[in-house]
N, C-alpha and C. Protein backbone atom coordinates (compact mmCIF):
# COMPACT_ATOMS: atom_id res chain seq x y z
N UNK A 1 98.60 -76.95 67.60
CA UNK A 1 97.86 -75.70 67.70
C UNK A 1 98.73 -74.70 68.44
N UNK A 2 98.89 -73.53 67.86
CA UNK A 2 99.72 -72.51 68.50
C UNK A 2 98.90 -71.72 69.51
N UNK A 3 99.62 -70.96 70.31
CA UNK A 3 98.95 -70.15 71.33
C UNK A 3 98.06 -69.10 70.68
N UNK A 4 98.50 -68.55 69.54
CA UNK A 4 97.69 -67.52 68.87
C UNK A 4 96.40 -68.13 68.32
N UNK A 5 96.44 -69.41 67.91
CA UNK A 5 95.21 -70.07 67.46
C UNK A 5 94.22 -70.19 68.61
N UNK A 6 94.73 -70.53 69.80
CA UNK A 6 93.88 -70.65 70.98
C UNK A 6 93.26 -69.31 71.33
N UNK A 7 94.06 -68.25 71.24
CA UNK A 7 93.56 -66.91 71.53
C UNK A 7 92.50 -66.53 70.51
N UNK A 8 92.76 -66.80 69.24
CA UNK A 8 91.80 -66.48 68.18
C UNK A 8 90.48 -67.23 68.40
N UNK A 9 90.58 -68.49 68.80
CA UNK A 9 89.37 -69.27 69.06
C UNK A 9 88.61 -68.72 70.26
N UNK A 10 89.34 -68.32 71.29
CA UNK A 10 88.70 -67.76 72.48
C UNK A 10 87.99 -66.45 72.14
N UNK A 11 88.65 -65.62 71.36
CA UNK A 11 88.04 -64.35 70.95
C UNK A 11 86.80 -64.63 70.11
N UNK A 12 86.86 -65.60 69.23
CA UNK A 12 85.70 -65.92 68.40
C UNK A 12 84.55 -66.44 69.25
N UNK A 13 84.86 -67.24 70.26
CA UNK A 13 83.82 -67.73 71.17
C UNK A 13 83.15 -66.57 71.91
N UNK A 14 83.95 -65.60 72.33
CA UNK A 14 83.39 -64.42 73.00
C UNK A 14 82.49 -63.66 72.04
N UNK A 15 82.93 -63.48 70.81
CA UNK A 15 82.11 -62.79 69.81
C UNK A 15 80.79 -63.53 69.57
N UNK A 16 80.88 -64.84 69.42
CA UNK A 16 79.69 -65.66 69.18
C UNK A 16 78.72 -65.58 70.36
N UNK A 17 79.27 -65.66 71.56
CA UNK A 17 78.43 -65.59 72.75
C UNK A 17 77.75 -64.23 72.85
N UNK A 18 78.50 -63.18 72.58
CA UNK A 18 77.92 -61.83 72.62
C UNK A 18 76.80 -61.70 71.60
N UNK A 19 77.03 -62.19 70.39
CA UNK A 19 76.00 -62.14 69.35
C UNK A 19 74.73 -62.88 69.79
N UNK A 20 74.92 -64.05 70.39
CA UNK A 20 73.77 -64.83 70.86
C UNK A 20 73.00 -64.09 71.95
N UNK A 21 73.72 -63.45 72.86
CA UNK A 21 73.07 -62.70 73.93
C UNK A 21 72.29 -61.52 73.35
N UNK A 22 72.87 -60.83 72.40
CA UNK A 22 72.19 -59.70 71.77
C UNK A 22 70.92 -60.18 71.07
N UNK A 23 71.01 -61.27 70.34
CA UNK A 23 69.86 -61.80 69.63
C UNK A 23 68.76 -62.20 70.61
N UNK A 24 69.13 -62.90 71.68
CA UNK A 24 68.14 -63.32 72.67
C UNK A 24 67.50 -62.12 73.35
N UNK A 25 68.29 -61.10 73.63
CA UNK A 25 67.77 -59.88 74.27
C UNK A 25 66.78 -59.19 73.35
N UNK A 26 67.10 -59.11 72.07
CA UNK A 26 66.18 -58.49 71.11
C UNK A 26 64.87 -59.27 71.04
N UNK A 27 64.97 -60.60 71.04
CA UNK A 27 63.77 -61.42 70.99
C UNK A 27 62.93 -61.23 72.25
N UNK A 28 63.59 -61.17 73.40
CA UNK A 28 62.87 -60.97 74.66
C UNK A 28 62.22 -59.59 74.68
N UNK A 29 62.93 -58.59 74.16
CA UNK A 29 62.38 -57.24 74.12
C UNK A 29 61.14 -57.20 73.24
N UNK A 30 61.18 -57.89 72.13
CA UNK A 30 60.03 -57.93 71.23
C UNK A 30 58.85 -58.64 71.90
N UNK A 31 59.14 -59.71 72.62
CA UNK A 31 58.08 -60.43 73.34
C UNK A 31 57.48 -59.55 74.42
N UNK A 32 58.32 -58.82 75.14
CA UNK A 32 57.83 -57.92 76.19
C UNK A 32 56.98 -56.82 75.59
N UNK A 33 57.42 -56.27 74.49
CA UNK A 33 56.66 -55.22 73.80
C UNK A 33 55.30 -55.75 73.39
N UNK A 34 55.26 -56.95 72.84
CA UNK A 34 54.00 -57.54 72.41
C UNK A 34 53.08 -57.79 73.60
N UNK A 35 53.65 -58.24 74.71
CA UNK A 35 52.85 -58.48 75.91
C UNK A 35 52.22 -57.19 76.42
N UNK A 36 52.97 -56.11 76.41
CA UNK A 36 52.43 -54.82 76.85
C UNK A 36 51.35 -54.36 75.89
N UNK A 37 51.57 -54.50 74.60
CA UNK A 37 50.56 -54.09 73.63
C UNK A 37 49.28 -54.91 73.80
N UNK A 38 49.42 -56.20 74.06
CA UNK A 38 48.26 -57.06 74.28
C UNK A 38 47.50 -56.62 75.53
N UNK A 39 48.24 -56.29 76.59
CA UNK A 39 47.61 -55.85 77.84
C UNK A 39 46.86 -54.54 77.63
N UNK A 40 47.43 -53.64 76.87
CA UNK A 40 46.76 -52.37 76.57
C UNK A 40 45.50 -52.61 75.76
N UNK A 41 45.58 -53.50 74.78
CA UNK A 41 44.40 -53.84 73.97
C UNK A 41 43.29 -54.42 74.86
N UNK A 42 43.67 -55.31 75.78
CA UNK A 42 42.68 -55.90 76.69
C UNK A 42 42.05 -54.83 77.56
N UNK A 43 42.86 -53.92 78.07
CA UNK A 43 42.36 -52.84 78.91
C UNK A 43 41.39 -51.96 78.13
N UNK A 44 41.75 -51.66 76.91
CA UNK A 44 40.89 -50.83 76.06
C UNK A 44 39.54 -51.52 75.82
N UNK A 45 39.57 -52.83 75.59
CA UNK A 45 38.32 -53.57 75.39
C UNK A 45 37.48 -53.57 76.66
N UNK A 46 38.09 -53.70 77.81
CA UNK A 46 37.34 -53.68 79.07
C UNK A 46 36.71 -52.32 79.30
N UNK A 47 37.46 -51.25 79.00
CA UNK A 47 36.92 -49.90 79.16
C UNK A 47 35.72 -49.71 78.24
N UNK A 48 35.84 -50.15 77.01
CA UNK A 48 34.74 -50.01 76.06
C UNK A 48 33.53 -50.82 76.53
N UNK A 49 33.79 -52.00 77.08
CA UNK A 49 32.71 -52.85 77.60
C UNK A 49 32.00 -52.16 78.75
N UNK A 50 32.77 -51.55 79.65
CA UNK A 50 32.18 -50.86 80.78
C UNK A 50 31.38 -49.63 80.33
N UNK A 51 31.86 -48.94 79.32
CA UNK A 51 31.13 -47.79 78.77
C UNK A 51 29.78 -48.25 78.20
N UNK A 52 29.78 -49.43 77.60
CA UNK A 52 28.55 -49.96 77.01
C UNK A 52 27.52 -50.34 78.06
N UNK A 53 27.96 -50.63 79.28
CA UNK A 53 27.06 -51.02 80.36
C UNK A 53 26.37 -49.82 81.00
N UNK A 54 26.84 -48.63 80.71
CA UNK A 54 26.28 -47.43 81.36
C UNK A 54 24.88 -47.12 80.90
């Protein structure tokens, strides 16, 4: 294995790792967005429930 092969492999590992981090971040962002939307929906239901008690 030549030195350039090692460098190419290292660069590819960096690219792969970066891609994985981006994918995981996007998934986490989507989960966070969904959690906030769920919390807002719950809040809206509670407000409507309280309005009904008046």
